[in-house]
Amino acid sequence: MTSISQAKDLFRMQKEAKKIKKQLKKIQVEAEAEGVKVVVSAEPEVLEIFIPSDADPARVPDLLKDALNRALKKAQIVAAEQMQSVMGSMGMPTDQGMRGLSQ
């Protein structure tokens, strides 16, 4: 059975998660591979793709894939950092806190 305190904590966590999701949409991360540039949000969502006119058409797919993968990894790191800071402020254990417990 869930106590009132637990229900309040769950509601607060849901509210914080929605707030973080809105913040992540506003954060932009970019990566570039030989002139091909990709901008994604930390949500992650692709926002822009720039392919220079002098890019080798045969290489564009590989460069685009490389830039996208790097941008998405950066976005994932930013999102994880945002979540950890909120979890820490709520008194919940984060990876850093858990590492400290295992030492």
PDB file of N, CA and C in Angstrom:
ATOM      1  N   MET A   1       0.838  -1.175   0.000  1.00  0.00           N
ATOM      2  CA  MET A   1       0.000   0.000   0.000  1.00  0.00           C
ATOM      3  C   MET A   1       0.892   1.251   0.000  1.00  0.00           C
ATOM      4  N   THR A   2       0.545   2.215  -0.805  1.00  0.00           N
ATOM      5  CA  THR A   2       1.324   3.436  -0.948  1.00  0.00           C
ATOM      6  C   THR A   2       0.880   4.458   0.092  1.00  0.00           C
ATOM      7  N   SER A   3       1.866   5.020   0.790  1.00  0.00           N
ATOM      8  CA  SER A   3       1.540   6.046   1.786  1.00  0.00           C
ATOM      9  C   SER A   3       1.327   7.388   1.093  1.00  0.00           C
ATOM     10  N   ILE A   4       0.761   8.317   1.820  1.00  0.00           N
ATOM     11  CA  ILE A   4       0.527   9.662   1.278  1.00  0.00           C
ATOM     12  C   ILE A   4       1.861  10.317   0.932  1.00  0.00           C
ATOM     13  N   SER A   5       2.853  10.100   1.783  1.00  0.00           N
ATOM     14  CA  SER A   5       4.179  10.666   1.539  1.00  0.00           C
ATOM     15  C   SER A   5       4.779  10.122   0.240  1.00  0.00           C
ATOM     16  N   GLN A   6       4.647   8.829   0.024  1.00  0.00           N
ATOM     17  CA  GLN A   6       5.162   8.218  -1.210  1.00  0.00           C
ATOM     18  C   GLN A   6       4.416   8.741  -2.423  1.00  0.00           C
ATOM     19  N   ALA A   7       3.119   8.916  -2.304  1.00  0.00           N
ATOM     20  CA  ALA A   7       2.314   9.449  -3.409  1.00  0.00           C
ATOM     21  C   ALA A   7       2.745  10.873  -3.742  1.00  0.00           C
ATOM     22  N   LYS A   8       3.012  11.678  -2.708  1.00  0.00           N
ATOM     23  CA  LYS A   8       3.473  13.046  -2.933  1.00  0.00           C
ATOM     24  C   LYS A   8       4.837  13.047  -3.630  1.00  0.00           C
ATOM     25  N   ASP A   9       5.725  12.151  -3.185  1.00  0.00           N
ATOM     26  CA  ASP A   9       7.046  12.054  -3.811  1.00  0.00           C
ATOM     27  C   ASP A   9       6.933  11.646  -5.276  1.00  0.00           C
ATOM     28  N   LEU A  10       6.054  10.699  -5.560  1.00  0.00           N
ATOM     29  CA  LEU A  10       5.849  10.248  -6.937  1.00  0.00           C
ATOM     30  C   LEU A  10       5.300  11.375  -7.799  1.00  0.00           C
ATOM     31  N   PHE A  11       4.334  12.116  -7.282  1.00  0.00           N
ATOM     32  CA  PHE A  11       3.765  13.242  -8.016  1.00  0.00           C
ATOM     33  C   PHE A  11       4.846  14.293  -8.289  1.00  0.00           C
ATOM     34  N   ARG A  12       5.670  14.566  -7.276  1.00  0.00           N
ATOM     35  CA  ARG A  12       6.745  15.553  -7.434  1.00  0.00           C
ATOM     36  C   ARG A  12       7.755  15.085  -8.487  1.00  0.00           C
ATOM     37  N   MET A  13       8.069  13.786  -8.489  1.00  0.00           N
ATOM     38  CA  MET A  13       9.001  13.250  -9.488  1.00  0.00           C
ATOM     39  C   MET A  13       8.420  13.378 -10.892  1.00  0.00           C
ATOM     40  N   GLN A  14       7.140  13.089 -11.055  1.00  0.00           N
ATOM     41  CA  GLN A  14       6.500  13.217 -12.361  1.00  0.00           C
ATOM     42  C   GLN A  14       6.525  14.662 -12.830  1.00  0.00           C
ATOM     43  N   LYS A  15       6.264  15.579 -11.920  1.00  0.00           N
ATOM     44  CA  LYS A  15       6.267  17.007 -12.247  1.00  0.00           C
ATOM     45  C   LYS A  15       7.674  17.444 -12.669  1.00  0.00           C
ATOM     46  N   GLU A  16       8.693  16.988 -11.955  1.00  0.00           N
ATOM     47  CA  GLU A  16      10.076  17.323 -12.285  1.00  0.00           C
ATOM     48  C   GLU A  16      10.477  16.720 -13.634  1.00  0.00           C
ATOM     49  N   ALA A  17      10.027  15.499 -13.905  1.00  0.00           N
ATOM     50  CA  ALA A  17      10.350  14.842 -15.177  1.00  0.00           C
ATOM     51  C   ALA A  17       9.780  15.640 -16.353  1.00  0.00           C
ATOM     52  N   LYS A  18       8.563  16.140 -16.211  1.00  0.00           N
ATOM     53  CA  LYS A  18       7.962  16.955 -17.275  1.00  0.00           C
ATOM     54  C   LYS A  18       8.740  18.252 -17.468  1.00  0.00           C
ATOM     55  N   LYS A  19       9.162  18.835 -16.358  1.00  0.00           N
ATOM     56  CA  LYS A  19       9.935  20.076 -16.406  1.00  0.00           C
ATOM     57  C   LYS A  19      11.275  19.843 -17.116  1.00  0.00           C
ATOM     58  N   ILE A  20      11.922  18.742 -16.796  1.00  0.00           N
ATOM     59  CA  ILE A  20      13.208  18.419 -17.426  1.00  0.00           C
ATOM     60  C   ILE A  20      13.019  18.192 -18.920  1.00  0.00           C
ATOM     61  N   LYS A  21      11.951  17.503 -19.289  1.00  0.00           N
ATOM     62  CA  LYS A  21      11.693  17.235 -20.698  1.00  0.00           C
ATOM     63  C   LYS A  21      11.565  18.539 -21.487  1.00  0.00           C
ATOM     64  N   LYS A  22      10.888  19.525 -20.908  1.00  0.00           N
ATOM     65  CA  LYS A  22      10.767  20.833 -21.561  1.00  0.00           C
ATOM     66  C   LYS A  22      12.126  21.502 -21.692  1.00  0.00           C
ATOM     67  N   GLN A  23      12.943  21.396 -20.638  1.00  0.00           N
ATOM     68  CA  GLN A  23      14.282  21.989 -20.669  1.00  0.00           C
ATOM     69  C   GLN A  23      15.151  21.323 -21.727  1.00  0.00           C
ATOM     70  N   LEU A  24      15.051  20.007 -21.828  1.00  0.00           N
ATOM     71  CA  LEU A  24      15.872  19.270 -22.786  1.00  0.00           C
ATOM     72  C   LEU A  24      15.547  19.658 -24.226  1.00  0.00           C
ATOM     73  N   LYS A  25      14.295  20.005 -24.488  1.00  0.00           N
ATOM     74  CA  LYS A  25      13.916  20.433 -25.833  1.00  0.00           C
ATOM     75  C   LYS A  25      14.610  21.737 -26.223  1.00  0.00           C
ATOM     76  N   LYS A  26      14.939  22.559 -25.216  1.00  0.00           N
ATOM     77  CA  LYS A  26      15.561  23.853 -25.480  1.00  0.00           C
ATOM     78  C   LYS A  26      17.082  23.775 -25.627  1.00  0.00           C
ATOM     79  N   ILE A  27      17.684  22.699 -25.142  1.00  0.00           N
ATOM     80  CA  ILE A  27      19.140  22.555 -25.209  1.00  0.00           C
ATOM     81  C   ILE A  27      19.524  22.014 -26.579  1.00  0.00           C
ATOM     82  N   GLN A  28      20.442  22.703 -27.237  1.00  0.00           N
ATOM     83  CA  GLN A  28      20.894  22.273 -28.563  1.00  0.00           C
ATOM     84  C   GLN A  28      22.332  21.777 -28.496  1.00  0.00           C
ATOM     85  N   VAL A  29      22.563  20.661 -29.163  1.00  0.00           N
ATOM     86  CA  VAL A  29      23.877  20.041 -29.223  1.00  0.00           C
ATOM     87  C   VAL A  29      24.212  19.854 -30.696  1.00  0.00           C
ATOM     88  N   GLU A  30      25.468  20.104 -31.061  1.00  0.00           N
ATOM     89  CA  GLU A  30      25.825  19.923 -32.465  1.00  0.00           C
ATOM     90  C   GLU A  30      27.094  19.095 -32.588  1.00  0.00           C
ATOM     91  N   ALA A  31      27.215  18.483 -33.744  1.00  0.00           N
ATOM     92  CA  ALA A  31      28.424  17.726 -34.091  1.00  0.00           C
ATOM     93  C   ALA A  31      28.673  17.919 -35.571  1.00  0.00           C
ATOM     94  N   GLU A  32      29.936  17.792 -35.953  1.00  0.00           N
ATOM     95  CA  GLU A  32      30.315  18.029 -37.342  1.00  0.00           C
ATOM     96  C   GLU A  32      31.269  16.926 -37.810  1.00  0.00           C
ATOM     97  N   ALA A  33      31.129  16.551 -39.054  1.00  0.00           N
ATOM     98  CA  ALA A  33      32.030  15.587 -39.686  1.00  0.00           C
ATOM     99  C   ALA A  33      32.387  16.123 -41.065  1.00  0.00           C
ATOM    100  N   GLU A  34      33.584  16.641 -41.185  1.00  0.00           N
ATOM    101  CA  GLU A  34      34.094  17.176 -42.456  1.00  0.00           C
ATOM    102  C   GLU A  34      33.099  18.120 -43.126  1.00  0.00           C
ATOM    103  N   GLY A  35      32.590  19.060 -42.367  1.00  0.00           N
ATOM    104  CA  GLY A  35      31.694  20.072 -42.916  1.00  0.00           C
ATOM    105  C   GLY A  35      30.218  19.748 -42.811  1.00  0.00           C
ATOM    106  N   VAL A  36      29.873  18.470 -42.681  1.00  0.00           N
ATOM    107  CA  VAL A  36      28.473  18.088 -42.492  1.00  0.00           C
ATOM    108  C   VAL A  36      28.150  18.302 -41.021  1.00  0.00           C
ATOM    109  N   LYS A  37      27.166  19.170 -40.764  1.00  0.00           N
ATOM    110  CA  LYS A  37      26.847  19.545 -39.392  1.00  0.00           C
ATOM    111  C   LYS A  37      25.419  19.135 -39.057  1.00  0.00           C
ATOM    112  N   VAL A  38      25.260  18.634 -37.823  1.00  0.00           N
ATOM    113  CA  VAL A  38      23.953  18.214 -37.336  1.00  0.00           C
ATOM    114  C   VAL A  38      23.703  18.895 -35.996  1.00  0.00           C
ATOM    115  N   VAL A  39      22.495  19.417 -35.822  1.00  0.00           N
ATOM    116  CA  VAL A  39      22.093  20.019 -34.553  1.00  0.00           C
ATOM    117  C   VAL A  39      20.893  19.228 -34.049  1.00  0.00           C
ATOM    118  N   VAL A  40      20.990  18.771 -32.802  1.00  0.00           N
ATOM    119  CA  VAL A  40      19.890  18.037 -32.181  1.00  0.00           C
ATOM    120  C   VAL A  40      19.569  18.692 -30.836  1.00  0.00           C
ATOM    121  N   SER A  41      18.363  18.439 -30.357  1.00  0.00           N
ATOM    122  CA  SER A  41      18.028  18.874 -29.006  1.00  0.00           C
ATOM    123  C   SER A  41      18.432  17.752 -28.060  1.00  0.00           C
ATOM    124  N   ALA A  42      18.488  18.054 -26.775  1.00  0.00           N
ATOM    125  CA  ALA A  42      18.829  17.027 -25.794  1.00  0.00           C
ATOM    126  C   ALA A  42      17.639  16.119 -25.517  1.00  0.00           C
ATOM    127  N   GLU A  43      16.553  16.323 -26.222  1.00  0.00           N
ATOM    128  CA  GLU A  43      15.318  15.538 -26.055  1.00  0.00           C
ATOM    129  C   GLU A  43      15.476  14.090 -26.521  1.00  0.00           C
ATOM    130  N   PRO A  44      16.088  13.561 -27.444  1.00  0.00           N
ATOM    131  CA  PRO A  44      16.757  14.121 -28.615  1.00  0.00           C
ATOM    132  C   PRO A  44      15.849  14.166 -29.834  1.00  0.00           C
ATOM    133  N   GLU A  45      16.001  15.224 -30.576  1.00  0.00           N
ATOM    134  CA  GLU A  45      15.253  15.430 -31.812  1.00  0.00           C
ATOM    135  C   GLU A  45      16.171  16.176 -32.780  1.00  0.00           C
ATOM    136  N   VAL A  46      16.205  15.740 -34.028  1.00  0.00           N
ATOM    137  CA  VAL A  46      17.043  16.407 -35.022  1.00  0.00           C
ATOM    138  C   VAL A  46      16.413  17.759 -35.342  1.00  0.00           C
ATOM    139  N   LEU A  47      17.212  18.821 -35.211  1.00  0.00           N
ATOM    140  CA  LEU A  47      16.715  20.172 -35.460  1.00  0.00           C
ATOM    141  C   LEU A  47      17.206  20.725 -36.796  1.00  0.00           C
ATOM    142  N   GLU A  48      18.484  20.471 -37.112  1.00  0.00           N
ATOM    143  CA  GLU A  48      19.056  20.991 -38.352  1.00  0.00           C
ATOM    144  C   GLU A  48      20.085  20.021 -38.902  1.00  0.00           C
ATOM    145  N   ILE A  49      20.179  20.008 -40.205  1.00  0.00           N
ATOM    146  CA  ILE A  49      21.244  19.281 -40.904  1.00  0.00           C
ATOM    147  C   ILE A  49      21.799  20.226 -41.955  1.00  0.00           C
ATOM    148  N   PHE A  50      23.114  20.399 -41.935  1.00  0.00           N
ATOM    149  CA  PHE A  50      23.757  21.261 -42.915  1.00  0.00           C
ATOM    150  C   PHE A  50      24.761  20.423 -43.700  1.00  0.00           C
ATOM    151  N   ILE A  51      24.595  20.408 -45.005  1.00  0.00           N
ATOM    152  CA  ILE A  51      25.527  19.712 -45.893  1.00  0.00           C
ATOM    153  C   ILE A  51      26.088  20.752 -46.853  1.00  0.00           C
ATOM    154  N   PRO A  52      27.391  20.999 -46.783  1.00  0.00           N
ATOM    155  CA  PRO A  52      27.973  22.026 -47.647  1.00  0.00           C
ATOM    156  C   PRO A  52      27.857  21.643 -49.124  1.00  0.00           C
ATOM    157  N   SER A  53      27.752  22.642 -49.957  1.00  0.00           N
ATOM    158  CA  SER A  53      27.574  22.399 -51.394  1.00  0.00           C
ATOM    159  C   SER A  53      28.782  21.705 -52.023  1.00  0.00           C
ATOM    160  N   ASP A  54      29.953  21.855 -51.410  1.00  0.00           N
ATOM    161  CA  ASP A  54      31.140  21.225 -51.982  1.00  0.00           C
ATOM    162  C   ASP A  54      31.429  19.840 -51.400  1.00  0.00           C
ATOM    163  N   ALA A  55      30.482  19.290 -50.632  1.00  0.00           N
ATOM    164  CA  ALA A  55      30.680  17.960 -50.050  1.00  0.00           C
ATOM    165  C   ALA A  55      30.630  16.893 -51.134  1.00  0.00           C
ATOM    166  N   ASP A  56      31.474  15.885 -50.979  1.00  0.00           N
ATOM    167  CA  ASP A  56      31.506  14.754 -51.913  1.00  0.00           C
ATOM    168  C   ASP A  56      30.222  13.941 -51.726  1.00  0.00           C
ATOM    169  N   PRO A  57      29.355  13.908 -52.737  1.00  0.00           N
ATOM    170  CA  PRO A  57      28.075  13.204 -52.604  1.00  0.00           C
ATOM    171  C   PRO A  57      28.218  11.739 -52.196  1.00  0.00           C
ATOM    172  N   ALA A  58      29.297  11.098 -52.592  1.00  0.00           N
ATOM    173  CA  ALA A  58      29.497   9.696 -52.243  1.00  0.00           C
ATOM    174  C   ALA A  58      29.796   9.522 -50.747  1.00  0.00           C
ATOM    175  N   ARG A  59      30.336  10.568 -50.120  1.00  0.00           N
ATOM    176  CA  ARG A  59      30.704  10.486 -48.695  1.00  0.00           C
ATOM    177  C   ARG A  59      29.631  11.041 -47.762  1.00  0.00           C
ATOM    178  N   VAL A  60      28.664  11.766 -48.300  1.00  0.00           N
ATOM    179  CA  VAL A  60      27.654  12.419 -47.461  1.00  0.00           C
ATOM    180  C   VAL A  60      26.932  11.442 -46.530  1.00  0.00           C
ATOM    181  N   PRO A  61      26.474  10.284 -46.997  1.00  0.00           N
ATOM    182  CA  PRO A  61      25.772   9.381 -46.065  1.00  0.00           C
ATOM    183  C   PRO A  61      26.625   8.988 -44.856  1.00  0.00           C
ATOM    184  N   ASP A  62      27.884   8.657 -45.073  1.00  0.00           N
ATOM    185  CA  ASP A  62      28.759   8.263 -43.959  1.00  0.00           C
ATOM    186  C   ASP A  62      29.045   9.442 -43.032  1.00  0.00           C
ATOM    187  N   LEU A  63      29.282  10.622 -43.624  1.00  0.00           N
ATOM    188  CA  LEU A  63      29.542  11.804 -42.798  1.00  0.00           C
ATOM    189  C   LEU A  63      28.314  12.185 -41.987  1.00  0.00           C
ATOM    190  N   LEU A  64      27.164  12.087 -42.615  1.00  0.00           N
ATOM    191  CA  LEU A  64      25.915  12.408 -41.927  1.00  0.00           C
ATOM    192  C   LEU A  64      25.671  11.440 -40.770  1.00  0.00           C
ATOM    193  N   LYS A  65      25.887  10.167 -41.036  1.00  0.00           N
ATOM    194  CA  LYS A  65      25.711   9.156 -39.987  1.00  0.00           C
ATOM    195  C   LYS A  65      26.672   9.416 -38.823  1.00  0.00           C
ATOM    196  N   ASP A  66      27.916   9.735 -39.126  1.00  0.00           N
ATOM    197  CA  ASP A  66      28.914  10.016 -38.099  1.00  0.00           C
ATOM    198  C   ASP A  66      28.503  11.230 -37.264  1.00  0.00           C
ATOM    199  N   ALA A  67      28.130  12.314 -37.927  1.00  0.00           N
ATOM    200  CA  ALA A  67      27.733  13.535 -37.218  1.00  0.00           C
ATOM    201  C   ALA A  67      26.485  13.299 -36.368  1.00  0.00           C
ATOM    202  N   LEU A  68      25.509  12.588 -36.916  1.00  0.00           N
ATOM    203  CA  LEU A  68      24.286  12.292 -36.162  1.00  0.00           C
ATOM    204  C   LEU A  68      24.579  11.462 -34.921  1.00  0.00           C
ATOM    205  N   ASN A  69      25.376  10.416 -35.080  1.00  0.00           N
ATOM    206  CA  ASN A  69      25.694   9.557 -33.945  1.00  0.00           C
ATOM    207  C   ASN A  69      26.413  10.331 -32.845  1.00  0.00           C
ATOM    208  N   ARG A  70      27.360  11.179 -33.224  1.00  0.00           N
ATOM    209  CA  ARG A  70      28.093  11.951 -32.229  1.00  0.00           C
ATOM    210  C   ARG A  70      27.189  12.973 -31.541  1.00  0.00           C
ATOM    211  N   ALA A  71      26.318  13.621 -32.302  1.00  0.00           N
ATOM    212  CA  ALA A  71      25.397  14.599 -31.714  1.00  0.00           C
ATOM    213  C   ALA A  71      24.420  13.917 -30.761  1.00  0.00           C
ATOM    214  N   LEU A  72      23.916  12.759 -31.146  1.00  0.00           N
ATOM    215  CA  LEU A  72      22.966  12.048 -30.282  1.00  0.00           C
ATOM    216  C   LEU A  72      23.636  11.554 -28.998  1.00  0.00           C
ATOM    217  N   LYS A  73      24.888  11.128 -29.090  1.00  0.00           N
ATOM    218  CA  LYS A  73      25.613  10.714 -27.884  1.00  0.00           C
ATOM    219  C   LYS A  73      25.822  11.897 -26.949  1.00  0.00           C
ATOM    220  N   LYS A  74      26.172  13.047 -27.518  1.00  0.00           N
ATOM    221  CA  LYS A  74      26.329  14.256 -26.699  1.00  0.00           C
ATOM    222  C   LYS A  74      24.999  14.608 -26.029  1.00  0.00           C
ATOM    223  N   ALA A  75      23.911  14.516 -26.788  1.00  0.00           N
ATOM    224  CA  ALA A  75      22.589  14.838 -26.242  1.00  0.00           C
ATOM    225  C   ALA A  75      22.226  13.889 -25.105  1.00  0.00           C
ATOM    226  N   GLN A  76      22.593  12.629 -25.252  1.00  0.00           N
ATOM    227  CA  GLN A  76      22.314  11.641 -24.212  1.00  0.00           C
ATOM    228  C   GLN A  76      23.073  11.975 -22.930  1.00  0.00           C
ATOM    229  N   ILE A  77      24.314  12.422 -23.069  1.00  0.00           N
ATOM    230  CA  ILE A  77      25.115  12.805 -21.903  1.00  0.00           C
ATOM    231  C   ILE A  77      24.503  14.019 -21.208  1.00  0.00           C
ATOM    232  N   VAL A  78      24.102  15.012 -21.994  1.00  0.00           N
ATOM    233  CA  VAL A  78      23.479  16.213 -21.425  1.00  0.00           C
ATOM    234  C   VAL A  78      22.204  15.838 -20.674  1.00  0.00           C
ATOM    235  N   ALA A  79      21.386  14.986 -21.264  1.00  0.00           N
ATOM    236  CA  ALA A  79      20.130  14.583 -20.623  1.00  0.00           C
ATOM    237  C   ALA A  79      20.416  13.840 -19.320  1.00  0.00           C
ATOM    238  N   ALA A  80      21.406  12.963 -19.315  1.00  0.00           N
ATOM    239  CA  ALA A  80      21.751  12.220 -18.100  1.00  0.00           C
ATOM    240  C   ALA A  80      22.237  13.164 -17.006  1.00  0.00           C
ATOM    241  N   GLU A  81      23.030  14.153 -17.387  1.00  0.00           N
ATOM    242  CA  GLU A  81      23.517  15.129 -16.404  1.00  0.00           C
ATOM    243  C   GLU A  81      22.359  15.920 -15.802  1.00  0.00           C
ATOM    244  N   GLN A  82      21.407  16.297 -16.643  1.00  0.00           N
ATOM    245  CA  GLN A  82      20.240  17.042 -16.156  1.00  0.00           C
ATOM    246  C   GLN A  82      19.438  16.186 -15.164  1.00  0.00           C
ATOM    247  N   MET A  83      19.232  14.920 -15.493  1.00  0.00           N
ATOM    248  CA  MET A  83      18.484  14.018 -14.627  1.00  0.00           C
ATOM    249  C   MET A  83      19.207  13.813 -13.301  1.00  0.00           C
ATOM    250  N   GLN A  84      20.529  13.655 -13.350  1.00  0.00           N
ATOM    251  CA  GLN A  84      21.289  13.450 -12.117  1.00  0.00           C
ATOM    252  C   GLN A  84      21.195  14.662 -11.198  1.00  0.00           C
ATOM    253  N   SER A  85      21.249  15.855 -11.785  1.00  0.00           N
ATOM    254  CA  SER A  85      21.176  17.046 -10.931  1.00  0.00           C
ATOM    255  C   SER A  85      19.814  17.152 -10.260  1.00  0.00           C
ATOM    256  N   VAL A  86      18.754  16.810 -10.973  1.00  0.00           N
ATOM    257  CA  VAL A  86      17.418  16.868 -10.380  1.00  0.00           C
ATOM    258  C   VAL A  86      17.260  15.772  -9.325  1.00  0.00           C
ATOM    259  N   MET A  87      17.740  14.585  -9.634  1.00  0.00           N
ATOM    260  CA  MET A  87      17.640  13.493  -8.663  1.00  0.00           C
ATOM    261  C   MET A  87      18.419  13.830  -7.396  1.00  0.00           C
ATOM    262  N   GLY A  88      19.585  14.434  -7.562  1.00  0.00           N
ATOM    263  CA  GLY A  88      20.383  14.832  -6.410  1.00  0.00           C
ATOM    264  C   GLY A  88      19.687  15.887  -5.578  1.00  0.00           C
ATOM    265  N   SER A  89      19.043  16.847  -6.235  1.00  0.00           N
ATOM    266  CA  SER A  89      18.349  17.904  -5.501  1.00  0.00           C
ATOM    267  C   SER A  89      17.117  17.368  -4.770  1.00  0.00           C
ATOM    268  N   MET A  90      16.604  16.229  -5.231  1.00  0.00           N
ATOM    269  CA  MET A  90      15.449  15.617  -4.568  1.00  0.00           C
ATOM    270  C   MET A  90      15.884  14.626  -3.485  1.00  0.00           C
ATOM    271  N   GLY A  91      17.213  14.506  -3.292  1.00  0.00           N
ATOM    272  CA  GLY A  91      17.713  13.603  -2.261  1.00  0.00           C
ATOM    273  C   GLY A  91      17.766  12.152  -2.691  1.00  0.00           C
ATOM    274  N   MET A  92      17.638  11.905  -3.997  1.00  0.00           N
ATOM    275  CA  MET A  92      17.696  10.539  -4.506  1.00  0.00           C
ATOM    276  C   MET A  92      19.123  10.211  -4.888  1.00  0.00           C
ATOM    277  N   PRO A  93      19.521   8.937  -4.783  1.00  0.00           N
ATOM    278  CA  PRO A  93      20.890   8.577  -5.159  1.00  0.00           C
ATOM    279  C   PRO A  93      21.110   8.719  -6.654  1.00  0.00           C
ATOM    280  N   THR A  94      22.270   9.244  -7.012  1.00  0.00           N
ATOM    281  CA  THR A  94      22.677   9.335  -8.413  1.00  0.00           C
ATOM    282  C   THR A  94      23.816   8.354  -8.597  1.00  0.00           C
ATOM    283  N   ASP A  95      24.314   8.214  -9.812  1.00  0.00           N
ATOM    284  CA  ASP A  95      25.446   7.319 -10.063  1.00  0.00           C
ATOM    285  C   ASP A  95      26.608   7.662  -9.161  1.00  0.00           C
ATOM    286  N   GLN A  96      26.891   8.960  -9.012  1.00  0.00           N
ATOM    287  CA  GLN A  96      28.006   9.376  -8.175  1.00  0.00           C
ATOM    288  C   GLN A  96      27.749   8.972  -6.731  1.00  0.00           C
ATOM    289  N   GLY A  97      26.532   9.162  -6.274  1.00  0.00           N
ATOM    290  CA  GLY A  97      26.195   8.780  -4.907  1.00  0.00           C
ATOM    291  C   GLY A  97      26.279   7.283  -4.695  1.00  0.00           C
ATOM    292  N   MET A  98      25.857   6.514  -5.699  1.00  0.00           N
ATOM    293  CA  MET A  98      25.904   5.063  -5.610  1.00  0.00           C
ATOM    294  C   MET A  98      27.347   4.577  -5.603  1.00  0.00           C
ATOM    295  N   ARG A  99      28.218   5.221  -6.379  1.00  0.00           N
ATOM    296  CA  ARG A  99      29.626   4.830  -6.389  1.00  0.00           C
ATOM    297  C   ARG A  99      30.230   5.056  -5.015  1.00  0.00           C
ATOM    298  N   GLY A 100      29.846   6.158  -4.389  1.00  0.00           N
ATOM    299  CA  GLY A 100      30.349   6.451  -3.067  1.00  0.00           C
ATOM    300  C   GLY A 100      29.924   5.398  -2.049  1.00  0.00           C
ATOM    301  N   LEU A 101      28.727   4.830  -2.216  1.00  0.00           N
ATOM    302  CA  LEU A 101      28.245   3.816  -1.308  1.00  0.00           C
ATOM    303  C   LEU A 101      28.985   2.495  -1.475  1.00  0.00           C
ATOM    304  N   SER A 102      29.437   2.215  -2.695  1.00  0.00           N
ATOM    305  CA  SER A 102      30.076   0.930  -2.950  1.00  0.00           C
ATOM    306  C   SER A 102      31.542   0.919  -2.591  1.00  0.00           C
ATOM    307  N   GLN A 103      32.117   2.078  -2.273  1.00  0.00           N
ATOM    308  CA  GLN A 103      33.548   2.135  -1.965  1.00  0.00           C
ATOM    309  C   GLN A 103      33.807   1.796  -0.524  1.00  0.00           C
TER     310      GLN A 103
END
